[in-house]
Amino acid sequence: MSLTVSKLGLAAAQFGLDGMNASPRSRSPEIEARDILNIAARARLSVLDVSGVYGRSESVLGDLIPRPVSTRVCLAAARADRGPDFVEAEARASLRRLGLERADTIVVQSPSELFGVHGPAMWDRLLRLREQGLFRNIGISAHATDDPVGVARRFKPDIIQAPASLLDQRLLADGSLQRIAGMGVEVQLRSIFLNGLLFLPPDRVPAQLKGASGRLSRVRRMIAEGRSDPLQAALGFALSRTEASAVIVGVTSAAELSAVVAAASSPPPDLDWDEMAIDDPVALDPRRWVA
């Protein structure tokens, strides 16, 4: 398997094990998730991010993960406002449900958790859990508007998870991710498909994003003229970023992951990446989209 494929990571939140995110299909979410995980294991994907998987879904996932576990498992920290004892209890409970004695990384889901009144106690507790060997790394998931460079300087985490994609190149263009990596902090890219925006046909683009529709059409045309497709272009861009050690993707089916692995195994297309960035603030922030 190529080095670029091994740079891929897998997000489990879209597996549909909770019945909320599953797409209509004849097979059960458990069978689909098992096949996804087996493909990931064969392809030697480097990271399994289980953030967004909770409770019973964690137990189901734990039963499905191929053993011995060869991938780096990342899980989400509980909210700071529940207190450090709750954060620790939930972390330990998640490990039990997943059938793990320890995991690679525990990830704070937003820098705002750490800047609140309960943030210092939460951070101290996570440092203690790392010292105890429950987690090898502490990570922080940040948006482009969170000043991830400042977050990295303030807390010195082991990992920063940040959004970057063919369409959203802000943290690459301004050098933020390069500066973070230069601090010795590992960078993991997420949201590389920008919620599938590049894959949507023009008539299905949300009304709030119509202002970016012309730019999106131009990007699609450039990809087609380069004899590529949106999936290969999105992966080629993200996997070629030297600032990042891992590129985390979300899939809902084994077929989708097979397509991702196949596209990642191909040479990256010869495209002008810089010309494909968009600057529409609504389009670049899925939190502002309305279904």
C-alpha atoms as a PDB file:
ATOM      1  CA  MET A   1       0.000   0.000   0.000  1.00  0.00           C
ATOM      2  CA  SER A   2       1.298   3.458  -0.904  1.00  0.00           C
ATOM      3  CA  LEU A   3       2.563   5.949   1.665  1.00  0.00           C
ATOM      4  CA  THR A   4      -0.224   8.357   0.754  1.00  0.00           C
ATOM      5  CA  VAL A   5      -2.879   5.773   1.606  1.00  0.00           C
ATOM      6  CA  SER A   6      -1.287   5.059   4.970  1.00  0.00           C
ATOM      7  CA  LYS A   7      -1.565   8.801   5.656  1.00  0.00           C
ATOM      8  CA  LEU A   8      -5.349   8.426   5.558  1.00  0.00           C
ATOM      9  CA  GLY A   9      -7.340   8.295   8.774  1.00  0.00           C
ATOM     10  CA  LEU A  10     -10.953   7.229   9.250  1.00  0.00           C
ATOM     11  CA  ALA A  11     -13.697   9.029  11.179  1.00  0.00           C
ATOM     12  CA  ALA A  12     -16.302   6.691  12.652  1.00  0.00           C
ATOM     13  CA  ALA A  13     -19.000   9.285  13.357  1.00  0.00           C
ATOM     14  CA  GLN A  14     -20.714   8.668  10.006  1.00  0.00           C
ATOM     15  CA  PHE A  15     -20.955   4.884  10.385  1.00  0.00           C
ATOM     16  CA  GLY A  16     -24.591   5.228  11.469  1.00  0.00           C
ATOM     17  CA  LEU A  17     -24.230   2.935  14.479  1.00  0.00           C
ATOM     18  CA  ASP A  18     -26.570   5.205  16.442  1.00  0.00           C
ATOM     19  CA  GLY A  19     -29.189   5.012  13.704  1.00  0.00           C
ATOM     20  CA  MET A  20     -29.001   8.761  13.156  1.00  0.00           C
ATOM     21  CA  ASN A  21     -26.487   9.149  10.323  1.00  0.00           C
ATOM     22  CA  ALA A  22     -26.993   5.920   8.418  1.00  0.00           C
ATOM     23  CA  SER A  23     -27.887   6.248   4.772  1.00  0.00           C
ATOM     24  CA  PRO A  24     -30.691   4.064   3.408  1.00  0.00           C
ATOM     25  CA  ARG A  25     -29.321   0.653   2.559  1.00  0.00           C
ATOM     26  CA  SER A  26     -30.260  -2.979   2.771  1.00  0.00           C
ATOM     27  CA  ARG A  27     -27.395  -4.005   5.055  1.00  0.00           C
ATOM     28  CA  SER A  28     -27.333  -3.262   8.767  1.00  0.00           C
ATOM     29  CA  PRO A  29     -25.052  -0.472  10.038  1.00  0.00           C
ATOM     30  CA  GLU A  30     -23.084  -3.063  12.031  1.00  0.00           C
ATOM     31  CA  ILE A  31     -22.276  -5.150   8.940  1.00  0.00           C
ATOM     32  CA  GLU A  32     -21.392  -2.025   6.977  1.00  0.00           C
ATOM     33  CA  ALA A  33     -19.151  -0.747   9.763  1.00  0.00           C
ATOM     34  CA  ARG A  34     -17.412  -4.128  10.047  1.00  0.00           C
ATOM     35  CA  ASP A  35     -16.608  -4.088   6.343  1.00  0.00           C
ATOM     36  CA  ILE A  36     -15.411  -0.472   6.521  1.00  0.00           C
ATOM     37  CA  LEU A  37     -13.060  -1.323   9.384  1.00  0.00           C
ATOM     38  CA  ASN A  38     -11.729  -4.395   7.589  1.00  0.00           C
ATOM     39  CA  ILE A  39     -10.956  -2.331   4.484  1.00  0.00           C
ATOM     40  CA  ALA A  40      -9.254   0.264   6.671  1.00  0.00           C
ATOM     41  CA  ALA A  41      -7.154  -2.433   8.339  1.00  0.00           C
ATOM     42  CA  ARG A  42      -6.104  -3.973   5.005  1.00  0.00           C
ATOM     43  CA  ALA A  43      -5.200  -0.534   3.649  1.00  0.00           C
ATOM     44  CA  ARG A  44      -3.270   0.223   6.864  1.00  0.00           C
ATOM     45  CA  LEU A  45      -5.024   3.503   7.521  1.00  0.00           C
ATOM     46  CA  SER A  46      -3.143   5.296  10.257  1.00  0.00           C
ATOM     47  CA  VAL A  47      -5.905   6.781  12.448  1.00  0.00           C
ATOM     48  CA  LEU A  48      -9.355   5.739  13.653  1.00  0.00           C
ATOM     49  CA  ASP A  49     -11.138   8.776  15.090  1.00  0.00           C
ATOM     50  CA  VAL A  50     -14.140   7.684  17.140  1.00  0.00           C
ATOM     51  CA  SER A  51     -15.181  11.214  18.146  1.00  0.00           C
ATOM     52  CA  GLY A  52     -18.938  11.492  17.822  1.00  0.00           C
ATOM     53  CA  VAL A  53     -19.489   7.819  18.709  1.00  0.00           C
ATOM     54  CA  TYR A  54     -20.994   7.409  22.171  1.00  0.00           C
ATOM     55  CA  GLY A  55     -22.499   4.901  24.581  1.00  0.00           C
ATOM     56  CA  ARG A  56     -23.834   1.718  23.035  1.00  0.00           C
ATOM     57  CA  SER A  57     -22.387   2.714  19.665  1.00  0.00           C
ATOM     58  CA  GLU A  58     -18.922   2.670  21.241  1.00  0.00           C
ATOM     59  CA  SER A  59     -19.534  -0.856  22.517  1.00  0.00           C
ATOM     60  CA  VAL A  60     -20.684  -2.001  19.086  1.00  0.00           C
ATOM     61  CA  LEU A  61     -17.672  -0.361  17.483  1.00  0.00           C
ATOM     62  CA  GLY A  62     -15.396  -1.999  20.034  1.00  0.00           C
ATOM     63  CA  ASP A  63     -16.755  -5.404  19.028  1.00  0.00           C
ATOM     64  CA  LEU A  64     -16.117  -4.649  15.351  1.00  0.00           C
ATOM     65  CA  ILE A  65     -12.582  -3.218  15.457  1.00  0.00           C
ATOM     66  CA  PRO A  66     -10.126  -5.811  14.072  1.00  0.00           C
ATOM     67  CA  ARG A  67      -7.750  -7.148  16.724  1.00  0.00           C
ATOM     68  CA  PRO A  68      -4.970  -6.624  17.517  1.00  0.00           C
ATOM     69  CA  VAL A  69      -5.620  -2.907  17.058  1.00  0.00           C
ATOM     70  CA  SER A  70      -2.916  -1.573  14.756  1.00  0.00           C
ATOM     71  CA  THR A  71      -4.319   1.898  14.129  1.00  0.00           C
ATOM     72  CA  ARG A  72      -4.078   5.004  16.283  1.00  0.00           C
ATOM     73  CA  VAL A  73      -7.422   5.369  18.054  1.00  0.00           C
ATOM     74  CA  CYS A  74      -8.558   8.913  18.893  1.00  0.00           C
ATOM     75  CA  LEU A  75     -11.558   9.639  21.071  1.00  0.00           C
ATOM     76  CA  ALA A  76     -13.295  12.815  22.176  1.00  0.00           C
ATOM     77  CA  ALA A  77     -12.992  14.361  25.614  1.00  0.00           C
ATOM     78  CA  ALA A  78     -16.216  15.133  27.438  1.00  0.00           C
ATOM     79  CA  ARG A  79     -17.296  18.739  27.895  1.00  0.00           C
ATOM     80  CA  ALA A  80     -15.307  20.798  30.360  1.00  0.00           C
ATOM     81  CA  ASP A  81     -18.384  22.198  32.098  1.00  0.00           C
ATOM     82  CA  ARG A  82     -19.158  18.758  33.532  1.00  0.00           C
ATOM     83  CA  GLY A  83     -16.000  18.979  35.612  1.00  0.00           C
ATOM     84  CA  PRO A  84     -12.654  17.165  35.485  1.00  0.00           C
ATOM     85  CA  ASP A  85     -13.895  14.096  37.382  1.00  0.00           C
ATOM     86  CA  PHE A  86     -16.604  13.581  34.779  1.00  0.00           C
ATOM     87  CA  VAL A  87     -14.106  14.118  31.944  1.00  0.00           C
ATOM     88  CA  GLU A  88     -11.877  11.400  33.388  1.00  0.00           C
ATOM     89  CA  ALA A  89     -14.757   9.026  34.131  1.00  0.00           C
ATOM     90  CA  GLU A  90     -16.093   9.350  30.594  1.00  0.00           C
ATOM     91  CA  ALA A  91     -12.637   8.827  29.098  1.00  0.00           C
ATOM     92  CA  ARG A  92     -12.179   5.632  31.082  1.00  0.00           C
ATOM     93  CA  ALA A  93     -15.714   4.475  30.238  1.00  0.00           C
ATOM     94  CA  SER A  94     -15.091   5.055  26.541  1.00  0.00           C
ATOM     95  CA  LEU A  95     -11.937   2.953  26.679  1.00  0.00           C
ATOM     96  CA  ARG A  96     -13.864   0.132  28.390  1.00  0.00           C
ATOM     97  CA  ARG A  97     -16.669   0.242  25.840  1.00  0.00           C
ATOM     98  CA  LEU A  98     -14.153   0.178  23.006  1.00  0.00           C
ATOM     99  CA  GLY A  99     -12.330  -2.739  24.611  1.00  0.00           C
ATOM    100  CA  LEU A 100      -9.065  -0.803  24.929  1.00  0.00           C
ATOM    101  CA  GLU A 101      -6.676  -0.440  27.838  1.00  0.00           C
ATOM    102  CA  ARG A 102      -5.367   2.798  26.364  1.00  0.00           C
ATOM    103  CA  ALA A 103      -5.751   4.895  23.228  1.00  0.00           C
ATOM    104  CA  ASP A 104      -3.457   7.049  21.169  1.00  0.00           C
ATOM    105  CA  THR A 105      -5.210  10.396  21.590  1.00  0.00           C
ATOM    106  CA  ILE A 106      -7.953  12.150  23.517  1.00  0.00           C
ATOM    107  CA  VAL A 107      -9.197  15.233  21.668  1.00  0.00           C
ATOM    108  CA  VAL A 108     -10.721  18.394  23.125  1.00  0.00           C
ATOM    109  CA  GLN A 109     -13.535  19.179  20.719  1.00  0.00           C
ATOM    110  CA  SER A 110     -13.168  22.978  20.746  1.00  0.00           C
ATOM    111  CA  PRO A 111     -10.634  25.482  22.112  1.00  0.00           C
ATOM    112  CA  SER A 112     -13.565  27.285  23.748  1.00  0.00           C
ATOM    113  CA  GLU A 113     -13.728  24.387  26.232  1.00  0.00           C
ATOM    114  CA  LEU A 114     -10.263  25.303  27.469  1.00  0.00           C
ATOM    115  CA  PHE A 115     -10.773  29.063  27.640  1.00  0.00           C
ATOM    116  CA  GLY A 116     -13.878  28.743  29.800  1.00  0.00           C
ATOM    117  CA  VAL A 117     -13.958  28.737  33.587  1.00  0.00           C
ATOM    118  CA  HIS A 118     -13.604  24.942  33.717  1.00  0.00           C
ATOM    119  CA  GLY A 119     -10.863  24.779  31.078  1.00  0.00           C
ATOM    120  CA  PRO A 120      -7.744  24.822  33.275  1.00  0.00           C
ATOM    121  CA  ALA A 121      -9.020  21.966  35.456  1.00  0.00           C
ATOM    122  CA  MET A 122      -9.941  19.941  32.375  1.00  0.00           C
ATOM    123  CA  TRP A 123      -6.514  20.467  30.803  1.00  0.00           C
ATOM    124  CA  ASP A 124      -4.711  19.528  34.001  1.00  0.00           C
ATOM    125  CA  ARG A 125      -6.746  16.327  34.215  1.00  0.00           C
ATOM    126  CA  LEU A 126      -5.965  15.407  30.606  1.00  0.00           C
ATOM    127  CA  LEU A 127      -2.273  15.954  31.280  1.00  0.00           C
ATOM    128  CA  ARG A 128      -2.563  13.605  34.262  1.00  0.00           C
ATOM    129  CA  LEU A 129      -4.274  10.932  32.138  1.00  0.00           C
ATOM    130  CA  ARG A 130      -1.444  11.212  29.628  1.00  0.00           C
ATOM    131  CA  GLU A 131       1.117  10.851  32.411  1.00  0.00           C
ATOM    132  CA  GLN A 132      -0.724   7.756  33.635  1.00  0.00           C
ATOM    133  CA  GLY A 133      -0.431   6.208  30.175  1.00  0.00           C
ATOM    134  CA  LEU A 134      -4.130   6.100  29.277  1.00  0.00           C
ATOM    135  CA  PHE A 135      -3.424   8.290  26.271  1.00  0.00           C
ATOM    136  CA  ARG A 136      -0.222   8.871  24.394  1.00  0.00           C
ATOM    137  CA  ASN A 137      -1.323  12.259  23.070  1.00  0.00           C
ATOM    138  CA  ILE A 138      -3.670  15.126  23.834  1.00  0.00           C
ATOM    139  CA  GLY A 139      -5.248  16.826  20.847  1.00  0.00           C
ATOM    140  CA  ILE A 140      -7.377  19.897  20.216  1.00  0.00           C
ATOM    141  CA  SER A 141      -9.847  20.211  17.361  1.00  0.00           C
ATOM    142  CA  ALA A 142      -9.976  23.777  16.035  1.00  0.00           C
ATOM    143  CA  HIS A 143     -11.736  25.752  13.331  1.00  0.00           C
ATOM    144  CA  ALA A 144      -9.941  28.283  11.154  1.00  0.00           C
ATOM    145  CA  THR A 145     -11.589  31.101  13.143  1.00  0.00           C
ATOM    146  CA  ASP A 146     -10.253  29.710  16.461  1.00  0.00           C
ATOM    147  CA  ASP A 147      -6.692  30.976  15.888  1.00  0.00           C
ATOM    148  CA  PRO A 148      -5.183  27.480  15.953  1.00  0.00           C
ATOM    149  CA  VAL A 149      -1.644  28.895  16.011  1.00  0.00           C
ATOM    150  CA  GLY A 150      -2.450  30.781  19.206  1.00  0.00           C
ATOM    151  CA  VAL A 151      -4.119  27.678  20.652  1.00  0.00           C
ATOM    152  CA  ALA A 152      -1.024  25.601  19.881  1.00  0.00           C
ATOM    153  CA  ARG A 153       1.242  28.195  21.500  1.00  0.00           C
ATOM    154  CA  ARG A 154      -0.934  28.500  24.603  1.00  0.00           C
ATOM    155  CA  PHE A 155      -1.559  24.829  25.367  1.00  0.00           C
ATOM    156  CA  LYS A 156       1.246  23.013  23.518  1.00  0.00           C
ATOM    157  CA  PRO A 157      -0.904  19.991  22.620  1.00  0.00           C
ATOM    158  CA  ASP A 158       0.543  16.968  20.904  1.00  0.00           C
ATOM    159  CA  ILE A 159      -1.942  17.208  18.035  1.00  0.00           C
ATOM    160  CA  ILE A 160      -4.057  19.886  16.355  1.00  0.00           C
ATOM    161  CA  GLN A 161      -6.945  18.720  14.195  1.00  0.00           C
ATOM    162  CA  ALA A 162      -7.911  21.448  11.731  1.00  0.00           C
ATOM    163  CA  PRO A 163     -10.031  21.841   8.591  1.00  0.00           C
ATOM    164  CA  ALA A 164      -8.310  22.201   5.237  1.00  0.00           C
ATOM    165  CA  SER A 165      -9.475  21.252   1.793  1.00  0.00           C
ATOM    166  CA  LEU A 166      -9.218  22.016  -1.872  1.00  0.00           C
ATOM    167  CA  LEU A 167     -11.893  24.680  -1.327  1.00  0.00           C
ATOM    168  CA  ASP A 168     -10.869  25.870   2.149  1.00  0.00           C
ATOM    169  CA  GLN A 169      -7.173  26.692   2.020  1.00  0.00           C
ATOM    170  CA  ARG A 170      -7.148  29.479   4.623  1.00  0.00           C
ATOM    171  CA  LEU A 171      -4.903  27.802   7.199  1.00  0.00           C
ATOM    172  CA  LEU A 172      -2.506  26.720   4.474  1.00  0.00           C
ATOM    173  CA  ALA A 173      -2.391  30.005   2.599  1.00  0.00           C
ATOM    174  CA  ASP A 174      -1.622  32.059   5.712  1.00  0.00           C
ATOM    175  CA  GLY A 175       1.004  29.587   6.908  1.00  0.00           C
ATOM    176  CA  SER A 176      -0.861  28.623  10.097  1.00  0.00           C
ATOM    177  CA  LEU A 177      -0.489  24.880   9.686  1.00  0.00           C
ATOM    178  CA  GLN A 178       3.156  25.205   8.748  1.00  0.00           C
ATOM    179  CA  ARG A 179       3.793  27.254  11.901  1.00  0.00           C
ATOM    180  CA  ILE A 180       1.960  24.711  14.049  1.00  0.00           C
ATOM    181  CA  ALA A 181       3.976  21.853  12.568  1.00  0.00           C
ATOM    182  CA  GLY A 182       7.120  23.928  13.139  1.00  0.00           C
ATOM    183  CA  MET A 183       6.330  23.972  16.865  1.00  0.00           C
ATOM    184  CA  GLY A 184       6.553  20.185  16.907  1.00  0.00           C
ATOM    185  CA  VAL A 185       2.767  19.808  17.084  1.00  0.00           C
ATOM    186  CA  GLU A 186       1.328  17.106  14.840  1.00  0.00           C
ATOM    187  CA  VAL A 187      -1.262  18.362  12.336  1.00  0.00           C
ATOM    188  CA  GLN A 188      -4.195  16.190  11.309  1.00  0.00           C
ATOM    189  CA  LEU A 189      -6.459  17.474   8.550  1.00  0.00           C
ATOM    190  CA  ARG A 190     -10.219  17.026   8.720  1.00  0.00           C
ATOM    191  CA  SER A 191     -13.196  18.287   6.703  1.00  0.00           C
ATOM    192  CA  ILE A 192     -11.235  17.695   3.506  1.00  0.00           C
ATOM    193  CA  PHE A 193     -14.490  17.223   1.574  1.00  0.00           C
ATOM    194  CA  LEU A 194     -16.123  20.305   3.195  1.00  0.00           C
ATOM    195  CA  ASN A 195     -19.294  18.335   3.952  1.00  0.00           C
ATOM    196  CA  GLY A 196     -19.388  17.040   0.389  1.00  0.00           C
ATOM    197  CA  LEU A 197     -19.852  20.496  -1.121  1.00  0.00           C
ATOM    198  CA  LEU A 198     -17.666  19.752  -4.140  1.00  0.00           C
ATOM    199  CA  PHE A 199     -19.687  16.611  -4.885  1.00  0.00           C
ATOM    200  CA  LEU A 200     -23.097  18.306  -4.906  1.00  0.00           C
ATOM    201  CA  PRO A 201     -24.690  18.957  -8.321  1.00  0.00           C
ATOM    202  CA  PRO A 202     -25.447  22.668  -8.850  1.00  0.00           C
ATOM    203  CA  ASP A 203     -29.190  22.213  -8.311  1.00  0.00           C
ATOM    204  CA  ARG A 204     -28.598  20.702  -4.850  1.00  0.00           C
ATOM    205  CA  VAL A 205     -26.326  23.390  -3.451  1.00  0.00           C
ATOM    206  CA  PRO A 206     -28.056  24.909  -0.372  1.00  0.00           C
ATOM    207  CA  ALA A 207     -29.677  28.275  -0.998  1.00  0.00           C
ATOM    208  CA  GLN A 208     -27.360  29.943   1.509  1.00  0.00           C
ATOM    209  CA  LEU A 209     -24.397  28.972  -0.690  1.00  0.00           C
ATOM    210  CA  LYS A 210     -25.671  30.327  -3.968  1.00  0.00           C
ATOM    211  CA  GLY A 211     -23.160  33.159  -3.700  1.00  0.00           C
ATOM    212  CA  ALA A 212     -20.397  30.604  -4.134  1.00  0.00           C
ATOM    213  CA  SER A 213     -22.090  28.613  -6.904  1.00  0.00           C
ATOM    214  CA  GLY A 214     -20.206  30.323  -9.717  1.00  0.00           C
ATOM    215  CA  ARG A 215     -16.871  29.647  -8.078  1.00  0.00           C
ATOM    216  CA  LEU A 216     -17.828  26.033  -7.372  1.00  0.00           C
ATOM    217  CA  SER A 217     -18.796  25.528 -11.009  1.00  0.00           C
ATOM    218  CA  ARG A 218     -15.438  26.932 -12.092  1.00  0.00           C
ATOM    219  CA  VAL A 219     -13.578  24.565  -9.752  1.00  0.00           C
ATOM    220  CA  ARG A 220     -15.519  21.572 -11.093  1.00  0.00           C
ATOM    221  CA  ARG A 221     -14.720  22.641 -14.646  1.00  0.00           C
ATOM    222  CA  MET A 222     -11.013  22.967 -13.857  1.00  0.00           C
ATOM    223  CA  ILE A 223     -10.994  19.486 -12.329  1.00  0.00           C
ATOM    224  CA  ALA A 224     -12.752  18.004 -15.369  1.00  0.00           C
ATOM    225  CA  GLU A 225     -10.388  19.785 -17.754  1.00  0.00           C
ATOM    226  CA  GLY A 226      -7.498  18.300 -15.766  1.00  0.00           C
ATOM    227  CA  ARG A 227      -8.944  14.830 -16.479  1.00  0.00           C
ATOM    228  CA  SER A 228      -9.667  14.204 -12.847  1.00  0.00           C
ATOM    229  CA  ASP A 229     -12.737  14.016 -10.611  1.00  0.00           C
ATOM    230  CA  PRO A 230     -13.701  15.762  -7.354  1.00  0.00           C
ATOM    231  CA  LEU A 231     -12.789  12.798  -5.139  1.00  0.00           C
ATOM    232  CA  GLN A 232      -9.326  12.333  -6.598  1.00  0.00           C
ATOM    233  CA  ALA A 233      -8.710  16.083  -6.603  1.00  0.00           C
ATOM    234  CA  ALA A 234      -9.793  16.535  -2.970  1.00  0.00           C
ATOM    235  CA  LEU A 235      -7.654  13.624  -1.801  1.00  0.00           C
ATOM    236  CA  GLY A 236      -4.695  14.557  -3.985  1.00  0.00           C
ATOM    237  CA  PHE A 237      -4.674  18.045  -2.527  1.00  0.00           C
ATOM    238  CA  ALA A 238      -4.972  16.975   1.116  1.00  0.00           C
ATOM    239  CA  LEU A 239      -2.554  14.051   0.971  1.00  0.00           C
ATOM    240  CA  SER A 240       0.112  16.190  -0.717  1.00  0.00           C
ATOM    241  CA  ARG A 241       0.226  18.625   2.194  1.00  0.00           C
ATOM    242  CA  THR A 242       3.562  18.204   3.906  1.00  0.00           C
ATOM    243  CA  GLU A 243       2.321  20.063   6.986  1.00  0.00           C
ATOM    244  CA  ALA A 244      -0.026  17.204   7.892  1.00  0.00           C
ATOM    245  CA  SER A 245       0.761  13.727   9.164  1.00  0.00           C
ATOM    246  CA  ALA A 246      -2.780  12.395   8.706  1.00  0.00           C
ATOM    247  CA  VAL A 247      -5.852  13.161   6.613  1.00  0.00           C
ATOM    248  CA  ILE A 248      -9.091  12.056   8.279  1.00  0.00           C
ATOM    249  CA  VAL A 249     -12.056  11.177   6.074  1.00  0.00           C
ATOM    250  CA  GLY A 250     -15.602  10.165   6.894  1.00  0.00           C
ATOM    251  CA  VAL A 251     -17.541   7.526   4.983  1.00  0.00           C
ATOM    252  CA  THR A 252     -20.934   5.866   5.373  1.00  0.00           C
ATOM    253  CA  SER A 253     -20.271   2.651   3.452  1.00  0.00           C
ATOM    254  CA  ALA A 254     -17.592   0.157   2.528  1.00  0.00           C
ATOM    255  CA  ALA A 255     -18.045   1.139  -1.116  1.00  0.00           C
ATOM    256  CA  GLU A 256     -17.236   4.755  -0.269  1.00  0.00           C
ATOM    257  CA  LEU A 257     -14.067   3.795   1.589  1.00  0.00           C
ATOM    258  CA  SER A 258     -12.992   1.503  -1.268  1.00  0.00           C
ATOM    259  CA  ALA A 259     -13.385   4.449  -3.644  1.00  0.00           C
ATOM    260  CA  VAL A 260     -11.371   6.688  -1.310  1.00  0.00           C
ATOM    261  CA  VAL A 261      -8.546   4.142  -1.029  1.00  0.00           C
ATOM    262  CA  ALA A 262      -8.478   3.650  -4.803  1.00  0.00           C
ATOM    263  CA  ALA A 263      -8.371   7.402  -5.441  1.00  0.00           C
ATOM    264  CA  ALA A 264      -5.670   7.916  -2.812  1.00  0.00           C
ATOM    265  CA  SER A 265      -3.585   5.177  -4.434  1.00  0.00           C
ATOM    266  CA  SER A 266      -3.514   7.032  -7.739  1.00  0.00           C
ATOM    267  CA  PRO A 267      -0.960   9.746  -8.555  1.00  0.00           C
ATOM    268  CA  PRO A 268      -2.316  13.194  -7.612  1.00  0.00           C
ATOM    269  CA  PRO A 269      -3.786  15.103 -10.544  1.00  0.00           C
ATOM    270  CA  ASP A 270      -1.801  17.932 -12.089  1.00  0.00           C
ATOM    271  CA  LEU A 271      -4.028  20.830 -11.090  1.00  0.00           C
ATOM    272  CA  ASP A 272      -3.522  24.437 -10.040  1.00  0.00           C
ATOM    273  CA  TRP A 273      -4.504  24.052  -6.396  1.00  0.00           C
ATOM    274  CA  ASP A 274      -4.263  27.756  -5.602  1.00  0.00           C
ATOM    275  CA  GLU A 275      -6.895  28.610  -8.197  1.00  0.00           C
ATOM    276  CA  MET A 276      -9.445  26.305  -6.564  1.00  0.00           C
ATOM    277  CA  ALA A 277      -9.704  28.007  -3.174  1.00  0.00           C
ATOM    278  CA  ILE A 278     -12.906  29.882  -2.411  1.00  0.00           C
ATOM    279  CA  ASP A 279     -13.344  32.723   0.064  1.00  0.00           C
ATOM    280  CA  ASP A 280     -17.094  32.731   0.712  1.00  0.00           C
ATOM    281  CA  PRO A 281     -17.337  32.771   4.546  1.00  0.00           C
ATOM    282  CA  VAL A 282     -20.668  30.931   4.638  1.00  0.00           C
ATOM    283  CA  ALA A 283     -19.579  28.216   2.222  1.00  0.00           C
ATOM    284  CA  LEU A 284     -16.413  27.629   4.256  1.00  0.00           C
ATOM    285  CA  ASP A 285     -18.301  27.131   7.535  1.00  0.00           C
ATOM    286  CA  PRO A 286     -20.816  24.240   7.441  1.00  0.00           C
ATOM    287  CA  ARG A 287     -22.086  25.362  10.852  1.00  0.00           C
ATOM    288  CA  ARG A 288     -23.728  28.266   9.018  1.00  0.00           C
ATOM    289  CA  TRP A 289     -25.450  26.105   6.436  1.00  0.00           C
ATOM    290  CA  VAL A 290     -29.158  25.511   6.756  1.00  0.00           C
ATOM    291  CA  ALA A 291     -30.496  22.218   5.430  1.00  0.00           C
END
